[in-house]
Amino acid sequence: MLWTKTFHFSIGNSASAFEFAEPFLNDEEYKKEFEFLLQKQKDFEKFAGAVQNKNFFEAFGMLEKAPYLAKTDSARKLDLCFTKSFAQAKKLLSDDPIRNTPTAKEILKPFCMIPEKKELIHALVKNNNLFLQADGYIKDKKFREYFTLTEQYPFLQEEVMYKKVCTLAELSILKIRAMIDENRYDEAIAGIKQMAVFLPYRPQLMEMGNIIQMRQKLLEYIRCDNIQSAYELVAANPALETMKEFADYDRTFDEVLSRAMEAIGKGEVKQVQQIMAPYAQIDFFKPKIKECERQAVFNRLSTLLAEKSISMARTVAAYYLKTFGKDDEYEQLLRQYGLGQ
């Protein structure tokens, strides 16, 4: 939405921009954003004029100082001007580097004063063979060799082709991540293997491979109902918590807790411990299980005091203090029955 308005400003059409924005101006954030752009209208117009008049030095200078210009149609045209000129010069140099060098330099001359383009232009003139080699690798889909070359000669990474190849790789990685989320692991693994030649993305590919291994391991633990191993794996890899299969598996504890509630209410401590035994050694559940046991012991103590079974109540009280310590609820219970500390 911001850059739709920016387009209207970039062609000097503030009336059109206002017409577009008016329905949204009740929103305070949107209003501030629009007012900011309105204040920069002259910059948009000046930038568009510089591009139209092929005053590239001024245009690139404005772009560097004012990042909000980068998404305008004028910025796209500016980038296209350089891309076309660079491609034309590269073609001339590939045809006949000795004879065509002066012409190639003349074509690129309007951009030679621009710092971020100067180095790339110089590299093209001096190392045209490397650019041709890179193009050949792309044409033959030899991406491993291509990325090895661009790593060895970083100026090749400034070319549009490099950015296009990286965009292709990033889109492929997004697709692989979607496959992983959908549990399409065989397809994801095949995609990772295919992408292995995209060397800069190897860390991401290795990470996705590890994620697949962890997810498959967790699914196996769930299938075998290996509760402790499943939760230990998730504790070590928190990202696994978002898996639907684990979320469903995690709800099993809620069912166990529901079964334990009756025993807790009756103060049947051993039964509570038996019901929750499968989760007793899992760190995540230890505080919850301890609280269930505490409540069961407390209810047992309360029942014994109500029945005036003082001797047994003292034994349970001693266990309570040793295991859970003194708390307000415990002291209030003793006061209720007129007992001391």
C-alpha atoms as a PDB file:
ATOM      1  CA  MET A   1       0.000   0.000   0.000  1.00  0.00           C
ATOM      2  CA  LEU A   2       2.825   2.411   0.847  1.00  0.00           C
ATOM      3  CA  TRP A   3       4.491   1.916  -2.514  1.00  0.00           C
ATOM      4  CA  THR A   4       1.240   2.277  -4.467  1.00  0.00           C
ATOM      5  CA  LYS A   5       1.059   5.782  -3.028  1.00  0.00           C
ATOM      6  CA  THR A   6       4.758   6.211  -3.700  1.00  0.00           C
ATOM      7  CA  PHE A   7       4.138   5.503  -7.363  1.00  0.00           C
ATOM      8  CA  HIS A   8       1.583   8.318  -7.546  1.00  0.00           C
ATOM      9  CA  PHE A   9       4.079  10.696  -5.952  1.00  0.00           C
ATOM     10  CA  SER A  10       6.901   9.493  -8.173  1.00  0.00           C
ATOM     11  CA  ILE A  11       5.086  10.746 -11.255  1.00  0.00           C
ATOM     12  CA  GLY A  12       4.165  13.997  -9.545  1.00  0.00           C
ATOM     13  CA  ASN A  13       0.490  13.067  -9.222  1.00  0.00           C
ATOM     14  CA  SER A  14      -0.262  14.189  -5.670  1.00  0.00           C
ATOM     15  CA  ALA A  15      -3.986  14.578  -6.437  1.00  0.00           C
ATOM     16  CA  SER A  16      -4.178  10.934  -7.495  1.00  0.00           C
ATOM     17  CA  ALA A  17      -2.213   9.919  -4.394  1.00  0.00           C
ATOM     18  CA  PHE A  18      -4.619  11.808  -2.123  1.00  0.00           C
ATOM     19  CA  GLU A  19      -7.627  10.249  -3.848  1.00  0.00           C
ATOM     20  CA  PHE A  20      -6.137   6.813  -3.287  1.00  0.00           C
ATOM     21  CA  ALA A  21      -5.220   7.459   0.347  1.00  0.00           C
ATOM     22  CA  GLU A  22      -8.306   9.383   1.538  1.00  0.00           C
ATOM     23  CA  PRO A  23     -10.367   6.340   2.682  1.00  0.00           C
ATOM     24  CA  PHE A  24      -7.487   5.269   4.944  1.00  0.00           C
ATOM     25  CA  LEU A  25      -6.555   8.587   6.538  1.00  0.00           C
ATOM     26  CA  ASN A  26      -8.559   7.849   9.695  1.00  0.00           C
ATOM     27  CA  ASP A  27      -5.811   5.401  10.589  1.00  0.00           C
ATOM     28  CA  GLU A  28      -3.161   7.376  12.498  1.00  0.00           C
ATOM     29  CA  GLU A  29      -0.207   5.297  11.290  1.00  0.00           C
ATOM     30  CA  TYR A  30      -1.369   5.472   7.706  1.00  0.00           C
ATOM     31  CA  LYS A  31      -1.939   9.212   8.002  1.00  0.00           C
ATOM     32  CA  LYS A  32       1.629   9.781   9.271  1.00  0.00           C
ATOM     33  CA  GLU A  33       2.983   7.654   6.452  1.00  0.00           C
ATOM     34  CA  PHE A  34       1.009   9.604   3.862  1.00  0.00           C
ATOM     35  CA  GLU A  35       2.033  12.979   5.301  1.00  0.00           C
ATOM     36  CA  PHE A  36       5.681  11.905   5.171  1.00  0.00           C
ATOM     37  CA  LEU A  37       5.356  11.058   1.492  1.00  0.00           C
ATOM     38  CA  LEU A  38       3.484  14.288   0.810  1.00  0.00           C
ATOM     39  CA  GLN A  39       6.381  16.260   2.280  1.00  0.00           C
ATOM     40  CA  LYS A  40       8.738  14.408  -0.071  1.00  0.00           C
ATOM     41  CA  GLN A  41       6.727  15.110  -3.231  1.00  0.00           C
ATOM     42  CA  LYS A  42       9.371  17.453  -4.648  1.00  0.00           C
ATOM     43  CA  ASP A  43      12.003  14.758  -4.137  1.00  0.00           C
ATOM     44  CA  PHE A  44       9.893  12.284  -6.115  1.00  0.00           C
ATOM     45  CA  GLU A  45       9.446  14.790  -8.930  1.00  0.00           C
ATOM     46  CA  LYS A  46      13.136  15.745  -8.974  1.00  0.00           C
ATOM     47  CA  PHE A  47      14.177  12.091  -8.976  1.00  0.00           C
ATOM     48  CA  ALA A  48      11.803  11.263 -11.837  1.00  0.00           C
ATOM     49  CA  GLY A  49      13.166  14.229 -13.798  1.00  0.00           C
ATOM     50  CA  ALA A  50      16.774  13.165 -13.254  1.00  0.00           C
ATOM     51  CA  VAL A  51      16.030   9.669 -14.541  1.00  0.00           C
ATOM     52  CA  GLN A  52      14.059  10.955 -17.515  1.00  0.00           C
ATOM     53  CA  ASN A  53      16.864  13.355 -18.472  1.00  0.00           C
ATOM     54  CA  LYS A  54      19.455  10.592 -18.000  1.00  0.00           C
ATOM     55  CA  ASN A  55      21.239  12.529 -15.285  1.00  0.00           C
ATOM     56  CA  PHE A  56      22.325   9.253 -13.747  1.00  0.00           C
ATOM     57  CA  PHE A  57      24.895  10.658 -11.334  1.00  0.00           C
ATOM     58  CA  GLU A  58      22.275  12.876  -9.692  1.00  0.00           C
ATOM     59  CA  ALA A  59      19.651  10.113  -9.735  1.00  0.00           C
ATOM     60  CA  PHE A  60      21.890   7.519  -8.067  1.00  0.00           C
ATOM     61  CA  GLY A  61      23.020  10.143  -5.555  1.00  0.00           C
ATOM     62  CA  MET A  62      19.414  10.866  -4.584  1.00  0.00           C
ATOM     63  CA  LEU A  63      18.669   7.163  -4.347  1.00  0.00           C
ATOM     64  CA  GLU A  64      21.545   6.646  -1.927  1.00  0.00           C
ATOM     65  CA  LYS A  65      20.437   9.514   0.327  1.00  0.00           C
ATOM     66  CA  ALA A  66      16.694   8.795   0.175  1.00  0.00           C
ATOM     67  CA  PRO A  67      15.893   5.048   0.407  1.00  0.00           C
ATOM     68  CA  TYR A  68      12.143   5.736   0.068  1.00  0.00           C
ATOM     69  CA  LEU A  69      12.794   6.422  -3.625  1.00  0.00           C
ATOM     70  CA  ALA A  70      13.961   2.846  -4.210  1.00  0.00           C
ATOM     71  CA  LYS A  71      10.476   1.390  -4.791  1.00  0.00           C
ATOM     72  CA  THR A  72       9.338   4.006  -7.289  1.00  0.00           C
ATOM     73  CA  ASP A  73       8.797   3.362 -10.967  1.00  0.00           C
ATOM     74  CA  SER A  74      11.598   5.842 -11.672  1.00  0.00           C
ATOM     75  CA  ALA A  75      14.020   3.705  -9.646  1.00  0.00           C
ATOM     76  CA  ARG A  76      12.996   0.668 -11.677  1.00  0.00           C
ATOM     77  CA  LYS A  77      13.653   2.595 -14.902  1.00  0.00           C
ATOM     78  CA  LEU A  78      17.019   3.763 -13.578  1.00  0.00           C
ATOM     79  CA  ASP A  79      18.071   0.222 -12.772  1.00  0.00           C
ATOM     80  CA  LEU A  80      16.862  -0.945 -16.172  1.00  0.00           C
ATOM     81  CA  CYS A  81      18.964   1.730 -17.914  1.00  0.00           C
ATOM     82  CA  PHE A  82      22.135   0.454 -16.281  1.00  0.00           C
ATOM     83  CA  THR A  83      21.247  -3.206 -16.817  1.00  0.00           C
ATOM     84  CA  LYS A  84      20.659  -2.689 -20.537  1.00  0.00           C
ATOM     85  CA  SER A  85      23.822  -0.619 -20.975  1.00  0.00           C
ATOM     86  CA  PHE A  86      25.893  -3.176 -19.079  1.00  0.00           C
ATOM     87  CA  ALA A  87      24.488  -6.071 -21.132  1.00  0.00           C
ATOM     88  CA  GLN A  88      25.163  -4.184 -24.368  1.00  0.00           C
ATOM     89  CA  ALA A  89      28.762  -3.443 -23.362  1.00  0.00           C
ATOM     90  CA  LYS A  90      29.315  -7.044 -22.277  1.00  0.00           C
ATOM     91  CA  LYS A  91      28.029  -8.308 -25.638  1.00  0.00           C
ATOM     92  CA  LEU A  92      30.382  -5.991 -27.529  1.00  0.00           C
ATOM     93  CA  LEU A  93      33.359  -7.102 -25.459  1.00  0.00           C
ATOM     94  CA  SER A  94      32.507 -10.760 -25.950  1.00  0.00           C
ATOM     95  CA  ASP A  95      32.336 -10.272 -29.729  1.00  0.00           C
ATOM     96  CA  ASP A  96      35.680  -8.482 -30.040  1.00  0.00           C
ATOM     97  CA  PRO A  97      37.289  -7.192 -26.822  1.00  0.00           C
ATOM     98  CA  ILE A  98      40.125  -5.350 -28.572  1.00  0.00           C
ATOM     99  CA  ARG A  99      38.113  -3.534 -31.211  1.00  0.00           C
ATOM    100  CA  ASN A 100      34.971  -2.915 -29.156  1.00  0.00           C
ATOM    101  CA  THR A 101      36.505  -1.774 -25.856  1.00  0.00           C
ATOM    102  CA  PRO A 102      36.260   1.966 -26.706  1.00  0.00           C
ATOM    103  CA  THR A 103      32.590   1.596 -27.701  1.00  0.00           C
ATOM    104  CA  ALA A 104      31.813  -0.413 -24.554  1.00  0.00           C
ATOM    105  CA  LYS A 105      33.456   2.246 -22.396  1.00  0.00           C
ATOM    106  CA  GLU A 106      31.460   4.960 -24.141  1.00  0.00           C
ATOM    107  CA  ILE A 107      28.196   3.129 -23.486  1.00  0.00           C
ATOM    108  CA  LEU A 108      29.020   2.789 -19.787  1.00  0.00           C
ATOM    109  CA  LYS A 109      30.511   6.275 -19.427  1.00  0.00           C
ATOM    110  CA  PRO A 110      27.307   7.839 -17.957  1.00  0.00           C
ATOM    111  CA  PHE A 111      27.592   5.416 -15.023  1.00  0.00           C
ATOM    112  CA  CYS A 112      31.356   5.589 -14.414  1.00  0.00           C
ATOM    113  CA  MET A 113      31.078   8.385 -11.846  1.00  0.00           C
ATOM    114  CA  ILE A 114      28.664   6.375  -9.704  1.00  0.00           C
ATOM    115  CA  PRO A 115      30.660   4.688  -6.891  1.00  0.00           C
ATOM    116  CA  GLU A 116      28.567   1.500  -6.651  1.00  0.00           C
ATOM    117  CA  LYS A 117      28.765   0.961 -10.439  1.00  0.00           C
ATOM    118  CA  LYS A 118      32.330   2.093 -11.081  1.00  0.00           C
ATOM    119  CA  GLU A 119      33.977  -1.057  -9.716  1.00  0.00           C
ATOM    120  CA  LEU A 120      31.691  -3.379 -11.677  1.00  0.00           C
ATOM    121  CA  ILE A 121      32.314  -1.463 -14.913  1.00  0.00           C
ATOM    122  CA  HIS A 122      36.072  -1.569 -14.357  1.00  0.00           C
ATOM    123  CA  ALA A 123      35.858  -5.326 -13.666  1.00  0.00           C
ATOM    124  CA  LEU A 124      33.925  -5.908 -16.900  1.00  0.00           C
ATOM    125  CA  VAL A 125      36.474  -4.074 -19.039  1.00  0.00           C
ATOM    126  CA  LYS A 126      39.452  -5.806 -17.402  1.00  0.00           C
ATOM    127  CA  ASN A 127      37.951  -9.279 -16.889  1.00  0.00           C
ATOM    128  CA  ASN A 128      35.364  -9.754 -19.608  1.00  0.00           C
ATOM    129  CA  ASN A 129      36.422 -13.389 -19.971  1.00  0.00           C
ATOM    130  CA  LEU A 130      35.274 -14.085 -16.401  1.00  0.00           C
ATOM    131  CA  PHE A 131      31.837 -12.622 -17.097  1.00  0.00           C
ATOM    132  CA  LEU A 132      31.593 -14.801 -20.213  1.00  0.00           C
ATOM    133  CA  GLN A 133      32.643 -17.832 -18.194  1.00  0.00           C
ATOM    134  CA  ALA A 134      29.973 -17.070 -15.585  1.00  0.00           C
ATOM    135  CA  ASP A 135      27.318 -16.697 -18.298  1.00  0.00           C
ATOM    136  CA  GLY A 136      28.398 -20.031 -19.772  1.00  0.00           C
ATOM    137  CA  TYR A 137      27.991 -21.792 -16.441  1.00  0.00           C
ATOM    138  CA  ILE A 138      24.482 -20.383 -16.063  1.00  0.00           C
ATOM    139  CA  LYS A 139      23.549 -21.372 -19.611  1.00  0.00           C
ATOM    140  CA  ASP A 140      24.741 -24.942 -18.958  1.00  0.00           C
ATOM    141  CA  LYS A 141      23.139 -24.959 -15.480  1.00  0.00           C
ATOM    142  CA  LYS A 142      26.495 -25.604 -13.839  1.00  0.00           C
ATOM    143  CA  PHE A 143      25.567 -23.797 -10.640  1.00  0.00           C
ATOM    144  CA  ARG A 144      28.296 -25.329  -8.497  1.00  0.00           C
ATOM    145  CA  GLU A 145      30.967 -24.014 -10.855  1.00  0.00           C
ATOM    146  CA  TYR A 146      29.137 -20.700 -11.143  1.00  0.00           C
ATOM    147  CA  PHE A 147      29.055 -20.063  -7.404  1.00  0.00           C
ATOM    148  CA  THR A 148      32.661 -21.210  -7.018  1.00  0.00           C
ATOM    149  CA  LEU A 149      33.646 -18.628  -9.627  1.00  0.00           C
ATOM    150  CA  THR A 150      31.592 -15.827  -8.049  1.00  0.00           C
ATOM    151  CA  GLU A 151      33.097 -16.575  -4.651  1.00  0.00           C
ATOM    152  CA  GLN A 152      36.575 -16.355  -6.154  1.00  0.00           C
ATOM    153  CA  TYR A 153      35.718 -13.102  -7.973  1.00  0.00           C
ATOM    154  CA  PRO A 154      33.192 -11.225  -5.791  1.00  0.00           C
ATOM    155  CA  PHE A 155      32.588  -8.497  -8.384  1.00  0.00           C
ATOM    156  CA  LEU A 156      30.543 -11.074 -10.334  1.00  0.00           C
ATOM    157  CA  GLN A 157      28.069 -11.022  -7.446  1.00  0.00           C
ATOM    158  CA  GLU A 158      27.161  -7.431  -8.332  1.00  0.00           C
ATOM    159  CA  GLU A 159      25.763  -8.479 -11.697  1.00  0.00           C
ATOM    160  CA  VAL A 160      21.998  -8.787 -12.209  1.00  0.00           C
ATOM    161  CA  MET A 161      22.370 -12.440 -13.197  1.00  0.00           C
ATOM    162  CA  TYR A 162      23.766 -13.326  -9.771  1.00  0.00           C
ATOM    163  CA  LYS A 163      20.797 -11.698  -8.059  1.00  0.00           C
ATOM    164  CA  LYS A 164      18.385 -13.570 -10.348  1.00  0.00           C
ATOM    165  CA  VAL A 165      20.022 -16.911  -9.577  1.00  0.00           C
ATOM    166  CA  CYS A 166      19.890 -16.156  -5.846  1.00  0.00           C
ATOM    167  CA  THR A 167      16.218 -15.219  -6.110  1.00  0.00           C
ATOM    168  CA  LEU A 168      15.568 -18.546  -7.846  1.00  0.00           C
ATOM    169  CA  ALA A 169      17.398 -20.376  -5.060  1.00  0.00           C
ATOM    170  CA  GLU A 170      15.490 -18.546  -2.325  1.00  0.00           C
ATOM    171  CA  LEU A 171      12.143 -19.343  -3.954  1.00  0.00           C
ATOM    172  CA  SER A 172      13.150 -23.004  -4.159  1.00  0.00           C
ATOM    173  CA  ILE A 173      14.099 -22.982  -0.474  1.00  0.00           C
ATOM    174  CA  LEU A 174      10.680 -21.557   0.410  1.00  0.00           C
ATOM    175  CA  LYS A 175       9.048 -24.412  -1.508  1.00  0.00           C
ATOM    176  CA  ILE A 176      11.186 -26.967   0.335  1.00  0.00           C
ATOM    177  CA  ARG A 177      10.243 -25.437   3.695  1.00  0.00           C
ATOM    178  CA  ALA A 178       6.572 -25.716   2.693  1.00  0.00           C
ATOM    179  CA  MET A 179       7.112 -29.392   1.851  1.00  0.00           C
ATOM    180  CA  ILE A 180       8.642 -29.940   5.295  1.00  0.00           C
ATOM    181  CA  ASP A 181       5.686 -28.244   6.986  1.00  0.00           C
ATOM    182  CA  GLU A 182       3.358 -30.533   5.019  1.00  0.00           C
ATOM    183  CA  ASN A 183       5.378 -33.647   6.015  1.00  0.00           C
ATOM    184  CA  ARG A 184       6.375 -34.278   2.387  1.00  0.00           C
ATOM    185  CA  TYR A 185       9.826 -35.333   3.509  1.00  0.00           C
ATOM    186  CA  ASP A 186      10.858 -37.430   0.501  1.00  0.00           C
ATOM    187  CA  GLU A 187      10.121 -34.529  -1.845  1.00  0.00           C
ATOM    188  CA  ALA A 188      11.904 -32.104   0.476  1.00  0.00           C
ATOM    189  CA  ILE A 189      15.005 -34.309   0.655  1.00  0.00           C
ATOM    190  CA  ALA A 190      15.046 -34.592  -3.143  1.00  0.00           C
ATOM    191  CA  GLY A 191      14.790 -30.801  -3.358  1.00  0.00           C
ATOM    192  CA  ILE A 192      17.660 -30.335  -0.908  1.00  0.00           C
ATOM    193  CA  LYS A 193      19.873 -32.693  -2.916  1.00  0.00           C
ATOM    194  CA  GLN A 194      19.035 -30.818  -6.095  1.00  0.00           C
ATOM    195  CA  MET A 195      19.833 -27.490  -4.416  1.00  0.00           C
ATOM    196  CA  ALA A 196      23.195 -28.674  -3.057  1.00  0.00           C
ATOM    197  CA  VAL A 197      24.990 -27.072  -6.026  1.00  0.00           C
ATOM    198  CA  PHE A 198      23.809 -23.636  -4.848  1.00  0.00           C
ATOM    199  CA  LEU A 199      26.830 -23.281  -2.596  1.00  0.00           C
ATOM    200  CA  PRO A 200      25.933 -20.055  -0.684  1.00  0.00           C
ATOM    201  CA  TYR A 201      22.758 -21.754   0.546  1.00  0.00           C
ATOM    202  CA  ARG A 202      24.392 -24.890   1.919  1.00  0.00           C
ATOM    203  CA  PRO A 203      24.021 -23.821   5.583  1.00  0.00           C
ATOM    204  CA  GLN A 204      20.263 -23.369   5.084  1.00  0.00           C
ATOM    205  CA  LEU A 205      20.013 -26.671   3.220  1.00  0.00           C
ATOM    206  CA  MET A 206      21.906 -28.499   5.979  1.00  0.00           C
ATOM    207  CA  GLU A 207      19.633 -26.909   8.563  1.00  0.00           C
ATOM    208  CA  MET A 208      16.549 -28.109   6.679  1.00  0.00           C
ATOM    209  CA  GLY A 209      18.059 -31.582   6.396  1.00  0.00           C
ATOM    210  CA  ASN A 210      18.577 -31.657  10.171  1.00  0.00           C
ATOM    211  CA  ILE A 211      15.008 -30.464  10.723  1.00  0.00           C
ATOM    212  CA  ILE A 212      13.683 -33.308   8.593  1.00  0.00           C
ATOM    213  CA  GLN A 213      15.740 -35.831  10.586  1.00  0.00           C
ATOM    214  CA  MET A 214      14.462 -34.427  13.881  1.00  0.00           C
ATOM    215  CA  ARG A 215      10.842 -34.399  12.697  1.00  0.00           C
ATOM    216  CA  GLN A 216      11.083 -37.980  11.461  1.00  0.00           C
ATOM    217  CA  LYS A 217      12.686 -39.059  14.730  1.00  0.00           C
ATOM    218  CA  LEU A 218       9.913 -37.362  16.713  1.00  0.00           C
ATOM    219  CA  LEU A 219       7.233 -39.050  14.606  1.00  0.00           C
ATOM    220  CA  GLU A 220       8.874 -42.401  15.343  1.00  0.00           C
ATOM    221  CA  TYR A 221       8.901 -41.685  19.095  1.00  0.00           C
ATOM    222  CA  ILE A 222       5.234 -40.705  18.941  1.00  0.00           C
ATOM    223  CA  ARG A 223       4.368 -43.843  16.957  1.00  0.00           C
ATOM    224  CA  CYS A 224       6.116 -45.997  19.581  1.00  0.00           C
ATOM    225  CA  ASP A 225       4.627 -43.915  22.429  1.00  0.00           C
ATOM    226  CA  ASN A 226       8.142 -43.245  23.728  1.00  0.00           C
ATOM    227  CA  ILE A 227       7.011 -40.321  25.865  1.00  0.00           C
ATOM    228  CA  GLN A 228      10.291 -39.437  27.537  1.00  0.00           C
ATOM    229  CA  SER A 229      12.358 -39.508  24.326  1.00  0.00           C
ATOM    230  CA  ALA A 230       9.735 -37.467  22.475  1.00  0.00           C
ATOM    231  CA  TYR A 231       9.700 -34.681  25.054  1.00  0.00           C
ATOM    232  CA  GLU A 232      13.469 -34.676  25.472  1.00  0.00           C
ATOM    233  CA  LEU A 233      13.829 -34.230  21.709  1.00  0.00           C
ATOM    234  CA  VAL A 234      11.353 -31.339  21.681  1.00  0.00           C
ATOM    235  CA  ALA A 235      13.069 -29.722  24.660  1.00  0.00           C
ATOM    236  CA  ALA A 236      16.350 -29.790  22.727  1.00  0.00           C
ATOM    237  CA  ASN A 237      14.650 -28.605  19.512  1.00  0.00           C
ATOM    238  CA  PRO A 238      11.844 -26.142  20.437  1.00  0.00           C
ATOM    239  CA  ALA A 239      10.875 -25.648  16.773  1.00  0.00           C
ATOM    240  CA  LEU A 240       9.350 -29.144  16.869  1.00  0.00           C
ATOM    241  CA  GLU A 241       6.615 -27.874  19.198  1.00  0.00           C
ATOM    242  CA  THR A 242       4.753 -26.480  16.177  1.00  0.00           C
ATOM    243  CA  MET A 243       4.297 -29.916  14.601  1.00  0.00           C
ATOM    244  CA  LYS A 244       0.629 -30.879  14.507  1.00  0.00           C
ATOM    245  CA  GLU A 245       1.488 -34.458  15.423  1.00  0.00           C
ATOM    246  CA  PHE A 246       3.279 -33.303  18.565  1.00  0.00           C
ATOM    247  CA  ALA A 247       0.476 -30.893  19.487  1.00  0.00           C
ATOM    248  CA  ASP A 248      -1.972 -33.797  19.274  1.00  0.00           C
ATOM    249  CA  TYR A 249       0.382 -36.022  21.259  1.00  0.00           C
ATOM    250  CA  ASP A 250       0.850 -33.322  23.879  1.00  0.00           C
ATOM    251  CA  ARG A 251      -2.900 -33.271  24.502  1.00  0.00           C
ATOM    252  CA  THR A 252      -2.613 -36.832  25.796  1.00  0.00           C
ATOM    253  CA  PHE A 253      -1.239 -35.396  29.041  1.00  0.00           C
ATOM    254  CA  ASP A 254      -4.441 -33.386  29.456  1.00  0.00           C
ATOM    255  CA  GLU A 255      -6.388 -36.636  29.248  1.00  0.00           C
ATOM    256  CA  VAL A 256      -4.078 -38.204  31.843  1.00  0.00           C
ATOM    257  CA  LEU A 257      -4.539 -35.182  34.077  1.00  0.00           C
ATOM    258  CA  SER A 258      -8.316 -35.477  33.766  1.00  0.00           C
ATOM    259  CA  ARG A 259      -8.123 -39.115  34.873  1.00  0.00           C
ATOM    260  CA  ALA A 260      -5.987 -38.112  37.830  1.00  0.00           C
ATOM    261  CA  MET A 261      -8.366 -35.391  39.061  1.00  0.00           C
ATOM    262  CA  GLU A 262     -10.732 -37.821  40.786  1.00  0.00           C
ATOM    263  CA  ALA A 263      -7.842 -39.453  42.667  1.00  0.00           C
ATOM    264  CA  ILE A 264      -6.489 -36.002  43.587  1.00  0.00           C
ATOM    265  CA  GLY A 265      -9.858 -35.002  44.993  1.00  0.00           C
ATOM    266  CA  LYS A 266      -9.999 -38.154  47.114  1.00  0.00           C
ATOM    267  CA  GLY A 267      -6.426 -37.704  48.313  1.00  0.00           C
ATOM    268  CA  GLU A 268      -5.318 -41.009  46.812  1.00  0.00           C
ATOM    269  CA  VAL A 269      -1.658 -40.123  46.397  1.00  0.00           C
ATOM    270  CA  LYS A 270      -0.391 -43.486  45.175  1.00  0.00           C
ATOM    271  CA  GLN A 271      -3.066 -43.678  42.506  1.00  0.00           C
ATOM    272  CA  VAL A 272      -2.144 -40.171  41.317  1.00  0.00           C
ATOM    273  CA  GLN A 273       1.488 -41.230  41.092  1.00  0.00           C
ATOM    274  CA  GLN A 274       0.566 -44.373  39.157  1.00  0.00           C
ATOM    275  CA  ILE A 275      -1.587 -42.493  36.660  1.00  0.00           C
ATOM    276  CA  MET A 276       1.129 -39.921  36.013  1.00  0.00           C
ATOM    277  CA  ALA A 277       4.075 -42.319  36.127  1.00  0.00           C
ATOM    278  CA  PRO A 278       4.704 -42.218  32.319  1.00  0.00           C
ATOM    279  CA  TYR A 279       5.420 -38.479  32.601  1.00  0.00           C
ATOM    280  CA  ALA A 280       7.220 -38.465  35.962  1.00  0.00           C
ATOM    281  CA  GLN A 281      10.761 -38.277  34.562  1.00  0.00           C
ATOM    282  CA  ILE A 282      10.025 -35.564  31.998  1.00  0.00           C
ATOM    283  CA  ASP A 283      11.353 -32.202  33.174  1.00  0.00           C
ATOM    284  CA  PHE A 284       8.559 -30.236  31.500  1.00  0.00           C
ATOM    285  CA  PHE A 285       5.879 -32.065  33.480  1.00  0.00           C
ATOM    286  CA  LYS A 286       7.662 -32.405  36.813  1.00  0.00           C
ATOM    287  CA  PRO A 287       6.288 -29.127  38.288  1.00  0.00           C
ATOM    288  CA  LYS A 288       2.732 -30.008  37.214  1.00  0.00           C
ATOM    289  CA  ILE A 289       2.976 -33.537  38.565  1.00  0.00           C
ATOM    290  CA  LYS A 290       4.449 -32.304  41.836  1.00  0.00           C
ATOM    291  CA  GLU A 291       1.545 -29.885  42.238  1.00  0.00           C
ATOM    292  CA  CYS A 292      -0.940 -32.704  41.595  1.00  0.00           C
ATOM    293  CA  GLU A 293       0.780 -34.826  44.234  1.00  0.00           C
ATOM    294  CA  ARG A 294       0.829 -31.888  46.660  1.00  0.00           C
ATOM    295  CA  GLN A 295      -2.869 -31.303  46.181  1.00  0.00           C
ATOM    296  CA  ALA A 296      -3.608 -35.013  46.673  1.00  0.00           C
ATOM    297  CA  VAL A 297      -1.570 -35.127  49.913  1.00  0.00           C
ATOM    298  CA  PHE A 298      -3.251 -31.934  51.111  1.00  0.00           C
ATOM    299  CA  ASN A 299      -6.701 -33.369  50.412  1.00  0.00           C
ATOM    300  CA  ARG A 300      -5.737 -36.560  52.249  1.00  0.00           C
ATOM    301  CA  LEU A 301      -4.584 -34.521  55.251  1.00  0.00           C
ATOM    302  CA  SER A 302      -7.784 -32.479  55.178  1.00  0.00           C
ATOM    303  CA  THR A 303      -9.892 -35.651  55.144  1.00  0.00           C
ATOM    304  CA  LEU A 304      -8.000 -37.194  58.081  1.00  0.00           C
ATOM    305  CA  LEU A 305      -8.376 -34.027  60.142  1.00  0.00           C
ATOM    306  CA  ALA A 306     -12.086 -33.917  59.369  1.00  0.00           C
ATOM    307  CA  GLU A 307     -12.350 -37.549  60.517  1.00  0.00           C
ATOM    308  CA  LYS A 308     -10.297 -36.671  63.631  1.00  0.00           C
ATOM    309  CA  SER A 309      -7.693 -39.312  62.722  1.00  0.00           C
ATOM    310  CA  ILE A 310      -5.000 -37.211  64.388  1.00  0.00           C
ATOM    311  CA  SER A 311      -2.294 -39.879  64.510  1.00  0.00           C
ATOM    312  CA  MET A 312      -2.455 -40.595  60.780  1.00  0.00           C
ATOM    313  CA  ALA A 313      -2.865 -36.899  60.090  1.00  0.00           C
ATOM    314  CA  ARG A 314       0.448 -36.187  61.839  1.00  0.00           C
ATOM    315  CA  THR A 315       2.198 -38.760  59.633  1.00  0.00           C
ATOM    316  CA  VAL A 316       0.732 -37.227  56.470  1.00  0.00           C
ATOM    317  CA  ALA A 317       1.534 -33.714  57.703  1.00  0.00           C
ATOM    318  CA  ALA A 318       5.168 -34.682  58.286  1.00  0.00           C
ATOM    319  CA  TYR A 319       5.351 -36.081  54.755  1.00  0.00           C
ATOM    320  CA  TYR A 320       3.767 -32.909  53.382  1.00  0.00           C
ATOM    321  CA  LEU A 321       6.282 -30.642  55.126  1.00  0.00           C
ATOM    322  CA  LYS A 322       9.242 -32.783  54.102  1.00  0.00           C
ATOM    323  CA  THR A 323       8.172 -33.054  50.458  1.00  0.00           C
ATOM    324  CA  PHE A 324       6.520 -29.711  49.722  1.00  0.00           C
ATOM    325  CA  GLY A 325       7.421 -27.419  52.595  1.00  0.00           C
ATOM    326  CA  LYS A 326       5.193 -25.125  54.646  1.00  0.00           C
ATOM    327  CA  ASP A 327       2.768 -22.890  52.749  1.00  0.00           C
ATOM    328  CA  ASP A 328      -0.225 -20.656  53.467  1.00  0.00           C
ATOM    329  CA  GLU A 329      -2.754 -23.314  52.492  1.00  0.00           C
ATOM    330  CA  TYR A 330      -1.193 -25.811  54.916  1.00  0.00           C
ATOM    331  CA  GLU A 331      -1.102 -23.341  57.808  1.00  0.00           C
ATOM    332  CA  GLN A 332      -4.683 -22.267  57.180  1.00  0.00           C
ATOM    333  CA  LEU A 333      -5.808 -25.909  57.327  1.00  0.00           C
ATOM    334  CA  LEU A 334      -4.121 -26.411  60.694  1.00  0.00           C
ATOM    335  CA  ARG A 335      -5.692 -23.244  62.105  1.00  0.00           C
ATOM    336  CA  GLN A 336      -9.085 -24.417  60.868  1.00  0.00           C
ATOM    337  CA  TYR A 337      -8.818 -27.436  63.152  1.00  0.00           C
ATOM    338  CA  GLY A 338      -7.209 -25.544  66.019  1.00  0.00           C
ATOM    339  CA  LEU A 339      -3.849 -27.206  65.660  1.00  0.00           C
ATOM    340  CA  GLY A 340      -0.450 -25.612  66.264  1.00  0.00           C
ATOM    341  CA  GLN A 341       2.598 -25.617  63.984  1.00  0.00           C
END
